[in-house]
Amino acid sequence: MDEVQIWQGIIIGAVGGAIAGLVIWLAELSRQGYLKKSHTKRVLKWLKENTKPKHSEVWRSTRAIASHNNLPEDRVRFICSHSDKIQLNTKDGNESKELWKLKQS
């Protein structure tokens, strides 16, 4: 083996590893995006089904949402806090109770 073949092997290995790393990173990024969209859709659907039109001031706790959607409470907090369609109850300093509802459109 001469020196040129060794360097070609190193370059091919480095480029191949970088491409494989990039593909794995993109796959994980798309999986996280899909899960976020799917979980958000489930939570929004549940909130719509469990909020009667006459009672638009119905607040749902993080624990209730998590329990009915089979999601961890931390995931529900993340979804609700990042959704444009869900709002946190901030009246009278109630942020610690973590009550959520659909925003009025």
PDB file of N, CA and C in Angstrom:
ATOM      1  N   MET A   1       0.852  -1.187   0.000  1.00  0.00           N
ATOM      2  CA  MET A   1       0.000   0.000   0.000  1.00  0.00           C
ATOM      3  C   MET A   1       0.885   1.233   0.000  1.00  0.00           C
ATOM      4  N   ASP A   2       0.525   2.129  -0.832  1.00  0.00           N
ATOM      5  CA  ASP A   2       1.282   3.371  -0.800  1.00  0.00           C
ATOM      6  C   ASP A   2       0.525   4.418   0.001  1.00  0.00           C
ATOM      7  N   GLU A   3       1.169   5.513   0.205  1.00  0.00           N
ATOM      8  CA  GLU A   3       0.629   6.575   1.067  1.00  0.00           C
ATOM      9  C   GLU A   3      -0.663   7.177   0.516  1.00  0.00           C
ATOM     10  N   VAL A   4      -0.824   7.243  -0.798  1.00  0.00           N
ATOM     11  CA  VAL A   4      -2.017   7.816  -1.413  1.00  0.00           C
ATOM     12  C   VAL A   4      -3.253   6.968  -1.094  1.00  0.00           C
ATOM     13  N   GLN A   5      -3.125   5.662  -1.148  1.00  0.00           N
ATOM     14  CA  GLN A   5      -4.249   4.779  -0.857  1.00  0.00           C
ATOM     15  C   GLN A   5      -4.669   4.890   0.607  1.00  0.00           C
ATOM     16  N   ILE A   6      -3.724   5.063   1.490  1.00  0.00           N
ATOM     17  CA  ILE A   6      -4.042   5.215   2.914  1.00  0.00           C
ATOM     18  C   ILE A   6      -4.847   6.491   3.127  1.00  0.00           C
ATOM     19  N   TRP A   7      -4.417   7.582   2.530  1.00  0.00           N
ATOM     20  CA  TRP A   7      -5.142   8.849   2.677  1.00  0.00           C
ATOM     21  C   TRP A   7      -6.520   8.788   2.039  1.00  0.00           C
ATOM     22  N   GLN A   8      -6.634   8.104   0.907  1.00  0.00           N
ATOM     23  CA  GLN A   8      -7.949   7.945   0.273  1.00  0.00           C
ATOM     24  C   GLN A   8      -8.890   7.158   1.180  1.00  0.00           C
ATOM     25  N   GLY A   9      -8.386   6.121   1.820  1.00  0.00           N
ATOM     26  CA  GLY A   9      -9.190   5.333   2.747  1.00  0.00           C
ATOM     27  C   GLY A   9      -9.643   6.150   3.946  1.00  0.00           C
ATOM     28  N   ILE A  10      -8.756   6.990   4.457  1.00  0.00           N
ATOM     29  CA  ILE A  10      -9.103   7.854   5.592  1.00  0.00           C
ATOM     30  C   ILE A  10     -10.183   8.853   5.191  1.00  0.00           C
ATOM     31  N   ILE A  11     -10.031   9.453   4.032  1.00  0.00           N
ATOM     32  CA  ILE A  11     -11.000  10.447   3.558  1.00  0.00           C
ATOM     33  C   ILE A  11     -12.357   9.789   3.298  1.00  0.00           C
ATOM     34  N   ILE A  12     -12.354   8.626   2.650  1.00  0.00           N
ATOM     35  CA  ILE A  12     -13.605   7.921   2.377  1.00  0.00           C
ATOM     36  C   ILE A  12     -14.300   7.537   3.685  1.00  0.00           C
ATOM     37  N   GLY A  13     -13.546   7.060   4.653  1.00  0.00           N
ATOM     38  CA  GLY A  13     -14.108   6.693   5.950  1.00  0.00           C
ATOM     39  C   GLY A  13     -14.692   7.893   6.684  1.00  0.00           C
ATOM     40  N   ALA A  14     -13.982   9.014   6.644  1.00  0.00           N
ATOM     41  CA  ALA A  14     -14.459  10.221   7.328  1.00  0.00           C
ATOM     42  C   ALA A  14     -15.725  10.763   6.671  1.00  0.00           C
ATOM     43  N   VAL A  15     -15.751  10.810   5.364  1.00  0.00           N
ATOM     44  CA  VAL A  15     -16.926  11.308   4.650  1.00  0.00           C
ATOM     45  C   VAL A  15     -18.110  10.365   4.861  1.00  0.00           C
ATOM     46  N   GLY A  16     -17.866   9.066   4.791  1.00  0.00           N
ATOM     47  CA  GLY A  16     -18.932   8.091   5.015  1.00  0.00           C
ATOM     48  C   GLY A  16     -19.498   8.193   6.426  1.00  0.00           C
ATOM     49  N   GLY A  17     -18.626   8.359   7.422  1.00  0.00           N
ATOM     50  CA  GLY A  17     -19.085   8.524   8.801  1.00  0.00           C
ATOM     51  C   GLY A  17     -19.884   9.801   8.991  1.00  0.00           C
ATOM     52  N   ALA A  18     -19.439  10.883   8.348  1.00  0.00           N
ATOM     53  CA  ALA A  18     -20.162  12.151   8.458  1.00  0.00           C
ATOM     54  C   ALA A  18     -21.544  12.047   7.824  1.00  0.00           C
ATOM     55  N   ILE A  19     -21.636  11.392   6.687  1.00  0.00           N
ATOM     56  CA  ILE A  19     -22.932  11.226   6.020  1.00  0.00           C
ATOM     57  C   ILE A  19     -23.858  10.355   6.869  1.00  0.00           C
ATOM     58  N   ALA A  20     -23.315   9.272   7.421  1.00  0.00           N
ATOM     59  CA  ALA A  20     -24.130   8.401   8.273  1.00  0.00           C
ATOM     60  C   ALA A  20     -24.623   9.167   9.507  1.00  0.00           C
ATOM     61  N   GLY A  21     -23.762   9.959  10.118  1.00  0.00           N
ATOM     62  CA  GLY A  21     -24.157  10.768  11.273  1.00  0.00           C
ATOM     63  C   GLY A  21     -25.245  11.761  10.919  1.00  0.00           C
ATOM     64  N   LEU A  22     -25.136  12.386   9.765  1.00  0.00           N
ATOM     65  CA  LEU A  22     -26.134  13.348   9.308  1.00  0.00           C
ATOM     66  C   LEU A  22     -27.480  12.666   9.057  1.00  0.00           C
ATOM     67  N   VAL A  23     -27.471  11.496   8.455  1.00  0.00           N
ATOM     68  CA  VAL A  23     -28.710  10.762   8.197  1.00  0.00           C
ATOM     69  C   VAL A  23     -29.387  10.376   9.511  1.00  0.00           C
ATOM     70  N   ILE A  24     -28.615   9.895  10.477  1.00  0.00           N
ATOM     71  CA  ILE A  24     -29.176   9.522  11.781  1.00  0.00           C
ATOM     72  C   ILE A  24     -29.755  10.750  12.475  1.00  0.00           C
ATOM     73  N   TRP A  25     -29.054  11.869  12.434  1.00  0.00           N
ATOM     74  CA  TRP A  25     -29.535  13.101  13.063  1.00  0.00           C
ATOM     75  C   TRP A  25     -30.841  13.568  12.419  1.00  0.00           C
ATOM     76  N   LEU A  26     -30.908  13.541  11.091  1.00  0.00           N
ATOM     77  CA  LEU A  26     -32.135  13.956  10.390  1.00  0.00           C
ATOM     78  C   LEU A  26     -33.295  13.010  10.687  1.00  0.00           C
ATOM     79  N   ALA A  27     -33.023  11.718  10.790  1.00  0.00           N
ATOM     80  CA  ALA A  27     -34.079  10.761  11.112  1.00  0.00           C
ATOM     81  C   ALA A  27     -34.635  11.028  12.510  1.00  0.00           C
ATOM     82  N   GLU A  28     -33.774  11.286  13.471  1.00  0.00           N
ATOM     83  CA  GLU A  28     -34.226  11.577  14.837  1.00  0.00           C
ATOM     84  C   GLU A  28     -34.984  12.899  14.896  1.00  0.00           C
ATOM     85  N   LEU A  29     -34.542  13.883  14.160  1.00  0.00           N
ATOM     86  CA  LEU A  29     -35.225  15.176  14.108  1.00  0.00           C
ATOM     87  C   LEU A  29     -36.627  15.019  13.526  1.00  0.00           C
ATOM     88  N   SER A  30     -36.764  14.242  12.474  1.00  0.00           N
ATOM     89  CA  SER A  30     -38.086  14.041  11.874  1.00  0.00           C
ATOM     90  C   SER A  30     -38.980  13.216  12.800  1.00  0.00           C
ATOM     91  N   ARG A  31     -38.420  12.251  13.528  1.00  0.00           N
ATOM     92  CA  ARG A  31     -39.202  11.463  14.478  1.00  0.00           C
ATOM     93  C   ARG A  31     -39.740  12.337  15.604  1.00  0.00           C
ATOM     94  N   GLN A  32     -38.892  13.229  16.123  1.00  0.00           N
ATOM     95  CA  GLN A  32     -39.333  14.142  17.185  1.00  0.00           C
ATOM     96  C   GLN A  32     -40.424  15.082  16.683  1.00  0.00           C
ATOM     97  N   GLY A  33     -40.288  15.578  15.474  1.00  0.00           N
ATOM     98  CA  GLY A  33     -41.308  16.453  14.895  1.00  0.00           C
ATOM     99  C   GLY A  33     -42.632  15.728  14.706  1.00  0.00           C
ATOM    100  N   TYR A  34     -42.563  14.483  14.234  1.00  0.00           N
ATOM    101  CA  TYR A  34     -43.782  13.690  14.055  1.00  0.00           C
ATOM    102  C   TYR A  34     -44.465  13.439  15.391  1.00  0.00           C
ATOM    103  N   LEU A  35     -43.695  13.062  16.430  1.00  0.00           N
ATOM    104  CA  LEU A  35     -44.280  12.798  17.741  1.00  0.00           C
ATOM    105  C   LEU A  35     -44.909  14.054  18.337  1.00  0.00           C
ATOM    106  N   LYS A  36     -44.247  15.193  18.171  1.00  0.00           N
ATOM    107  CA  LYS A  36     -44.805  16.440  18.702  1.00  0.00           C
ATOM    108  C   LYS A  36     -46.132  16.761  18.025  1.00  0.00           C
ATOM    109  N   LYS A  37     -46.163  16.611  16.713  1.00  0.00           N
ATOM    110  CA  LYS A  37     -47.394  16.898  15.968  1.00  0.00           C
ATOM    111  C   LYS A  37     -48.503  15.914  16.347  1.00  0.00           C
ATOM    112  N   SER A  38     -48.159  14.650  16.469  1.00  0.00           N
ATOM    113  CA  SER A  38     -49.131  13.619  16.818  1.00  0.00           C
ATOM    114  C   SER A  38     -49.685  13.827  18.230  1.00  0.00           C
ATOM    115  N   HIS A  39     -48.811  14.096  19.198  1.00  0.00           N
ATOM    116  CA  HIS A  39     -49.247  14.309  20.577  1.00  0.00           C
ATOM    117  C   HIS A  39     -50.086  15.584  20.696  1.00  0.00           C
ATOM    118  N   THR A  40     -49.691  16.627  19.995  1.00  0.00           N
ATOM    119  CA  THR A  40     -50.452  17.873  20.024  1.00  0.00           C
ATOM    120  C   THR A  40     -51.849  17.652  19.455  1.00  0.00           C
ATOM    121  N   LYS A  41     -51.939  16.902  18.385  1.00  0.00           N
ATOM    122  CA  LYS A  41     -53.233  16.606  17.769  1.00  0.00           C
ATOM    123  C   LYS A  41     -54.126  15.832  18.745  1.00  0.00           C
ATOM    124  N   ARG A  42     -53.552  14.853  19.462  1.00  0.00           N
ATOM    125  CA  ARG A  42     -54.320  14.081  20.446  1.00  0.00           C
ATOM    126  C   ARG A  42     -54.830  14.959  21.571  1.00  0.00           C
ATOM    127  N   VAL A  43     -53.966  15.830  22.093  1.00  0.00           N
ATOM    128  CA  VAL A  43     -54.362  16.704  23.206  1.00  0.00           C
ATOM    129  C   VAL A  43     -55.430  17.686  22.753  1.00  0.00           C
ATOM    130  N   LEU A  44     -55.264  18.301  21.596  1.00  0.00           N
ATOM    131  CA  LEU A  44     -56.261  19.245  21.087  1.00  0.00           C
ATOM    132  C   LEU A  44     -57.606  18.557  20.861  1.00  0.00           C
ATOM    133  N   LYS A  45     -57.580  17.361  20.301  1.00  0.00           N
ATOM    134  CA  LYS A  45     -58.823  16.624  20.066  1.00  0.00           C
ATOM    135  C   LYS A  45     -59.521  16.328  21.391  1.00  0.00           C
ATOM    136  N   TRP A  46     -58.752  15.900  22.391  1.00  0.00           N
ATOM    137  CA  TRP A  46     -59.342  15.592  23.693  1.00  0.00           C
ATOM    138  C   TRP A  46     -59.922  16.842  24.341  1.00  0.00           C
ATOM    139  N   LEU A  47     -59.199  17.967  24.257  1.00  0.00           N
ATOM    140  CA  LEU A  47     -59.710  19.204  24.844  1.00  0.00           C
ATOM    141  C   LEU A  47     -60.994  19.655  24.152  1.00  0.00           C
ATOM    142  N   LYS A  48     -61.054  19.519  22.831  1.00  0.00           N
ATOM    143  CA  LYS A  48     -62.271  19.904  22.099  1.00  0.00           C
ATOM    144  C   LYS A  48     -63.452  19.020  22.479  1.00  0.00           C
ATOM    145  N   GLU A  49     -63.202  17.724  22.618  1.00  0.00           N
ATOM    146  CA  GLU A  49     -64.282  16.796  22.959  1.00  0.00           C
ATOM    147  C   GLU A  49     -64.764  16.968  24.394  1.00  0.00           C
ATOM    148  N   ASN A  50     -63.912  17.444  25.274  1.00  0.00           N
ATOM    149  CA  ASN A  50     -64.249  17.537  26.688  1.00  0.00           C
ATOM    150  C   ASN A  50     -64.495  18.962  27.160  1.00  0.00           C
ATOM    151  N   THR A  51     -64.735  19.866  26.239  1.00  0.00           N
ATOM    152  CA  THR A  51     -65.109  21.234  26.565  1.00  0.00           C
ATOM    153  C   THR A  51     -66.438  21.510  25.888  1.00  0.00           C
ATOM    154  N   LYS A  52     -67.460  21.641  26.677  1.00  0.00           N
ATOM    155  CA  LYS A  52     -68.785  21.901  26.124  1.00  0.00           C
ATOM    156  C   LYS A  52     -68.872  23.360  25.679  1.00  0.00           C
ATOM    157  N   PRO A  53     -69.575  23.650  24.591  1.00  0.00           N
ATOM    158  CA  PRO A  53     -69.668  25.021  24.074  1.00  0.00           C
ATOM    159  C   PRO A  53     -70.221  26.018  25.095  1.00  0.00           C
ATOM    160  N   LYS A  54     -71.157  25.594  25.927  1.00  0.00           N
ATOM    161  CA  LYS A  54     -71.729  26.515  26.905  1.00  0.00           C
ATOM    162  C   LYS A  54     -70.767  26.810  28.051  1.00  0.00           C
ATOM    163  N   HIS A  55     -69.828  25.936  28.250  1.00  0.00           N
ATOM    164  CA  HIS A  55     -68.884  26.086  29.360  1.00  0.00           C
ATOM    165  C   HIS A  55     -67.477  26.323  28.812  1.00  0.00           C
ATOM    166  N   SER A  56     -67.273  27.442  28.161  1.00  0.00           N
ATOM    167  CA  SER A  56     -65.982  27.717  27.540  1.00  0.00           C
ATOM    168  C   SER A  56     -64.892  27.998  28.564  1.00  0.00           C
ATOM    169  N   GLU A  57     -65.275  28.220  29.804  1.00  0.00           N
ATOM    170  CA  GLU A  57     -64.290  28.486  30.852  1.00  0.00           C
ATOM    171  C   GLU A  57     -63.909  27.222  31.607  1.00  0.00           C
ATOM    172  N   VAL A  58     -63.957  26.081  30.952  1.00  0.00           N
ATOM    173  CA  VAL A  58     -63.575  24.828  31.593  1.00  0.00           C
ATOM    174  C   VAL A  58     -62.065  24.663  31.456  1.00  0.00           C
ATOM    175  N   TRP A  59     -61.403  24.622  32.593  1.00  0.00           N
ATOM    176  CA  TRP A  59     -59.952  24.440  32.636  1.00  0.00           C
ATOM    177  C   TRP A  59     -59.652  22.983  32.976  1.00  0.00           C
ATOM    178  N   ARG A  60     -58.694  22.409  32.328  1.00  0.00           N
ATOM    179  CA  ARG A  60     -58.307  21.020  32.557  1.00  0.00           C
ATOM    180  C   ARG A  60     -56.887  20.979  33.118  1.00  0.00           C
ATOM    181  N   SER A  61     -56.675  20.140  34.105  1.00  0.00           N
ATOM    182  CA  SER A  61     -55.357  20.047  34.734  1.00  0.00           C
ATOM    183  C   SER A  61     -54.408  19.237  33.850  1.00  0.00           C
ATOM    184  N   THR A  62     -53.126  19.462  34.075  1.00  0.00           N
ATOM    185  CA  THR A  62     -52.101  18.716  33.350  1.00  0.00           C
ATOM    186  C   THR A  62     -52.270  17.227  33.607  1.00  0.00           C
ATOM    187  N   ARG A  63     -52.545  16.874  34.854  1.00  0.00           N
ATOM    188  CA  ARG A  63     -52.699  15.464  35.219  1.00  0.00           C
ATOM    189  C   ARG A  63     -53.879  14.822  34.490  1.00  0.00           C
ATOM    190  N   ALA A  64     -55.004  15.542  34.383  1.00  0.00           N
ATOM    191  CA  ALA A  64     -56.176  14.986  33.690  1.00  0.00           C
ATOM    192  C   ALA A  64     -55.888  14.791  32.209  1.00  0.00           C
ATOM    193  N   ILE A  65     -55.256  15.768  31.600  1.00  0.00           N
ATOM    194  CA  ILE A  65     -54.927  15.665  30.174  1.00  0.00           C
ATOM    195  C   ILE A  65     -53.973  14.500  29.948  1.00  0.00           C
ATOM    196  N   ALA A  66     -52.955  14.395  30.799  1.00  0.00           N
ATOM    197  CA  ALA A  66     -51.973  13.320  30.660  1.00  0.00           C
ATOM    198  C   ALA A  66     -52.618  11.956  30.851  1.00  0.00           C
ATOM    199  N   SER A  67     -53.480  11.847  31.835  1.00  0.00           N
ATOM    200  CA  SER A  67     -54.126  10.580  32.128  1.00  0.00           C
ATOM    201  C   SER A  67     -55.012  10.107  30.983  1.00  0.00           C
ATOM    202  N   HIS A  68     -55.800  11.001  30.438  1.00  0.00           N
ATOM    203  CA  HIS A  68     -56.732  10.625  29.374  1.00  0.00           C
ATOM    204  C   HIS A  68     -56.048  10.401  28.032  1.00  0.00           C
ATOM    205  N   ASN A  69     -54.868  10.962  27.847  1.00  0.00           N
ATOM    206  CA  ASN A  69     -54.162  10.806  26.570  1.00  0.00           C
ATOM    207  C   ASN A  69     -52.990   9.847  26.651  1.00  0.00           C
ATOM    208  N   ASN A  70     -52.817   9.224  27.828  1.00  0.00           N
ATOM    209  CA  ASN A  70     -51.740   8.251  28.033  1.00  0.00           C
ATOM    210  C   ASN A  70     -50.370   8.851  27.700  1.00  0.00           C
ATOM    211  N   LEU A  71     -50.129  10.055  28.222  1.00  0.00           N
ATOM    212  CA  LEU A  71     -48.861  10.749  28.040  1.00  0.00           C
ATOM    213  C   LEU A  71     -48.303  11.137  29.409  1.00  0.00           C
ATOM    214  N   PRO A  72     -46.991  11.261  29.525  1.00  0.00           N
ATOM    215  CA  PRO A  72     -46.421  11.758  30.783  1.00  0.00           C
ATOM    216  C   PRO A  72     -46.790  13.228  31.004  1.00  0.00           C
ATOM    217  N   GLU A  73     -46.867  13.623  32.262  1.00  0.00           N
ATOM    218  CA  GLU A  73     -47.235  15.008  32.578  1.00  0.00           C
ATOM    219  C   GLU A  73     -46.238  16.007  31.994  1.00  0.00           C
ATOM    220  N   ASP A  74     -44.956  15.677  31.992  1.00  0.00           N
ATOM    221  CA  ASP A  74     -43.959  16.581  31.417  1.00  0.00           C
ATOM    222  C   ASP A  74     -44.202  16.802  29.923  1.00  0.00           C
ATOM    223  N   ARG A  75     -44.609  15.751  29.241  1.00  0.00           N
ATOM    224  CA  ARG A  75     -44.893  15.871  27.811  1.00  0.00           C
ATOM    225  C   ARG A  75     -46.112  16.760  27.579  1.00  0.00           C
ATOM    226  N   VAL A  76     -47.135  16.618  28.417  1.00  0.00           N
ATOM    227  CA  VAL A  76     -48.336  17.450  28.295  1.00  0.00           C
ATOM    228  C   VAL A  76     -47.992  18.907  28.556  1.00  0.00           C
ATOM    229  N   ARG A  77     -47.160  19.168  29.573  1.00  0.00           N
ATOM    230  CA  ARG A  77     -46.723  20.543  29.838  1.00  0.00           C
ATOM    231  C   ARG A  77     -46.018  21.137  28.623  1.00  0.00           C
ATOM    232  N   PHE A  78     -45.120  20.350  28.025  1.00  0.00           N
ATOM    233  CA  PHE A  78     -44.384  20.809  26.848  1.00  0.00           C
ATOM    234  C   PHE A  78     -45.335  21.106  25.691  1.00  0.00           C
ATOM    235  N   ILE A  79     -46.244  20.185  25.427  1.00  0.00           N
ATOM    236  CA  ILE A  79     -47.178  20.356  24.312  1.00  0.00           C
ATOM    237  C   ILE A  79     -48.070  21.573  24.527  1.00  0.00           C
ATOM    238  N   CYS A  80     -48.653  21.673  25.719  1.00  0.00           N
ATOM    239  CA  CYS A  80     -49.585  22.775  25.988  1.00  0.00           C
ATOM    240  C   CYS A  80     -48.877  24.133  25.983  1.00  0.00           C
ATOM    241  N   SER A  81     -47.664  24.178  26.499  1.00  0.00           N
ATOM    242  CA  SER A  81     -46.969  25.462  26.556  1.00  0.00           C
ATOM    243  C   SER A  81     -46.449  25.905  25.189  1.00  0.00           C
ATOM    244  N   HIS A  82     -46.270  24.973  24.248  1.00  0.00           N
ATOM    245  CA  HIS A  82     -45.783  25.331  22.923  1.00  0.00           C
ATOM    246  C   HIS A  82     -46.888  25.462  21.878  1.00  0.00           C
ATOM    247  N   SER A  83     -48.110  25.097  22.237  1.00  0.00           N
ATOM    248  CA  SER A  83     -49.210  25.177  21.277  1.00  0.00           C
ATOM    249  C   SER A  83     -49.803  26.583  21.255  1.00  0.00           C
ATOM    250  N   ASP A  84     -50.114  27.049  20.059  1.00  0.00           N
ATOM    251  CA  ASP A  84     -50.748  28.359  19.904  1.00  0.00           C
ATOM    252  C   ASP A  84     -52.243  28.298  20.216  1.00  0.00           C
ATOM    253  N   LYS A  85     -52.803  27.101  20.294  1.00  0.00           N
ATOM    254  CA  LYS A  85     -54.235  26.937  20.483  1.00  0.00           C
ATOM    255  C   LYS A  85     -54.625  26.648  21.924  1.00  0.00           C
ATOM    256  N   ILE A  86     -53.653  26.499  22.812  1.00  0.00           N
ATOM    257  CA  ILE A  86     -53.913  26.164  24.205  1.00  0.00           C
ATOM    258  C   ILE A  86     -53.320  27.255  25.086  1.00  0.00           C
ATOM    259  N   GLN A  87     -54.061  27.632  26.136  1.00  0.00           N
ATOM    260  CA  GLN A  87     -53.542  28.663  27.035  1.00  0.00           C
ATOM    261  C   GLN A  87     -53.541  28.178  28.475  1.00  0.00           C
ATOM    262  N   LEU A  88     -52.616  28.731  29.244  1.00  0.00           N
ATOM    263  CA  LEU A  88     -52.453  28.429  30.659  1.00  0.00           C
ATOM    264  C   LEU A  88     -53.286  29.396  31.481  1.00  0.00           C
ATOM    265  N   ASN A  89     -53.880  28.913  32.566  1.00  0.00           N
ATOM    266  CA  ASN A  89     -54.653  29.763  33.464  1.00  0.00           C
ATOM    267  C   ASN A  89     -53.693  30.616  34.284  1.00  0.00           C
ATOM    268  N   THR A  90     -53.683  31.920  34.023  1.00  0.00           N
ATOM    269  CA  THR A  90     -52.800  32.828  34.759  1.00  0.00           C
ATOM    270  C   THR A  90     -53.579  33.783  35.645  1.00  0.00           C
ATOM    271  N   LYS A  91     -54.883  33.573  35.766  1.00  0.00           N
ATOM    272  CA  LYS A  91     -55.702  34.438  36.608  1.00  0.00           C
ATOM    273  C   LYS A  91     -55.369  34.185  38.067  1.00  0.00           C
ATOM    274  N   ASP A  92     -55.251  35.227  38.832  1.00  0.00           N
ATOM    275  CA  ASP A  92     -55.004  35.146  40.266  1.00  0.00           C
ATOM    276  C   ASP A  92     -53.750  34.360  40.614  1.00  0.00           C
ATOM    277  N   GLY A  93     -52.766  34.352  39.745  1.00  0.00           N
ATOM    278  CA  GLY A  93     -51.512  33.662  40.024  1.00  0.00           C
ATOM    279  C   GLY A  93     -51.646  32.155  40.110  1.00  0.00           C
ATOM    280  N   ASN A  94     -52.492  31.563  39.289  1.00  0.00           N
ATOM    281  CA  ASN A  94     -52.743  30.126  39.341  1.00  0.00           C
ATOM    282  C   ASN A  94     -51.806  29.321  38.445  1.00  0.00           C
ATOM    283  N   GLU A  95     -50.654  29.843  38.088  1.00  0.00           N
ATOM    284  CA  GLU A  95     -49.757  29.105  37.201  1.00  0.00           C
ATOM    285  C   GLU A  95     -49.313  27.788  37.823  1.00  0.00           C
ATOM    286  N   SER A  96     -49.227  27.752  39.144  1.00  0.00           N
ATOM    287  CA  SER A  96     -48.738  26.541  39.806  1.00  0.00           C
ATOM    288  C   SER A  96     -49.736  25.391  39.709  1.00  0.00           C
ATOM    289  N   LYS A  97     -51.010  25.689  39.511  1.00  0.00           N
ATOM    290  CA  LYS A  97     -52.015  24.627  39.384  1.00  0.00           C
ATOM    291  C   LYS A  97     -52.003  23.996  37.996  1.00  0.00           C
ATOM    292  N   GLU A  98     -51.405  24.648  37.043  1.00  0.00           N
ATOM    293  CA  GLU A  98     -51.294  24.178  35.670  1.00  0.00           C
ATOM    294  C   GLU A  98     -52.631  23.730  35.101  1.00  0.00           C
ATOM    295  N   LEU A  99     -53.504  24.675  34.900  1.00  0.00           N
ATOM    296  CA  LEU A  99     -54.797  24.424  34.282  1.00  0.00           C
ATOM    297  C   LEU A  99     -54.757  24.974  32.865  1.00  0.00           C
ATOM    298  N   TRP A 100     -55.279  24.198  31.916  1.00  0.00           N
ATOM    299  CA  TRP A 100     -55.206  24.546  30.502  1.00  0.00           C
ATOM    300  C   TRP A 100     -56.601  24.525  29.883  1.00  0.00           C
ATOM    301  N   LYS A 101     -56.756  25.310  28.823  1.00  0.00           N
ATOM    302  CA  LYS A 101     -57.982  25.268  28.026  1.00  0.00           C
ATOM    303  C   LYS A 101     -57.656  25.728  26.611  1.00  0.00           C
ATOM    304  N   LEU A 102     -58.617  25.494  25.720  1.00  0.00           N
ATOM    305  CA  LEU A 102     -58.457  25.964  24.343  1.00  0.00           C
ATOM    306  C   LEU A 102     -58.631  27.474  24.320  1.00  0.00           C
ATOM    307  N   LYS A 103     -57.832  28.150  23.524  1.00  0.00           N
ATOM    308  CA  LYS A 103     -57.983  29.596  23.382  1.00  0.00           C
ATOM    309  C   LYS A 103     -59.264  29.884  22.617  1.00  0.00           C
ATOM    310  N   GLN A 104     -59.894  30.986  22.967  1.00  0.00           N
ATOM    311  CA  GLN A 104     -61.096  31.405  22.254  1.00  0.00           C
ATOM    312  C   GLN A 104     -60.690  31.994  20.920  1.00  0.00           C
ATOM    313  N   SER A 105     -61.344  31.539  19.853  1.00  0.00           N
ATOM    314  CA  SER A 105     -60.973  32.042  18.522  1.00  0.00           C
ATOM    315  C   SER A 105     -61.884  33.133  18.051  1.00  0.00           C
TER     316      SER A 105
END
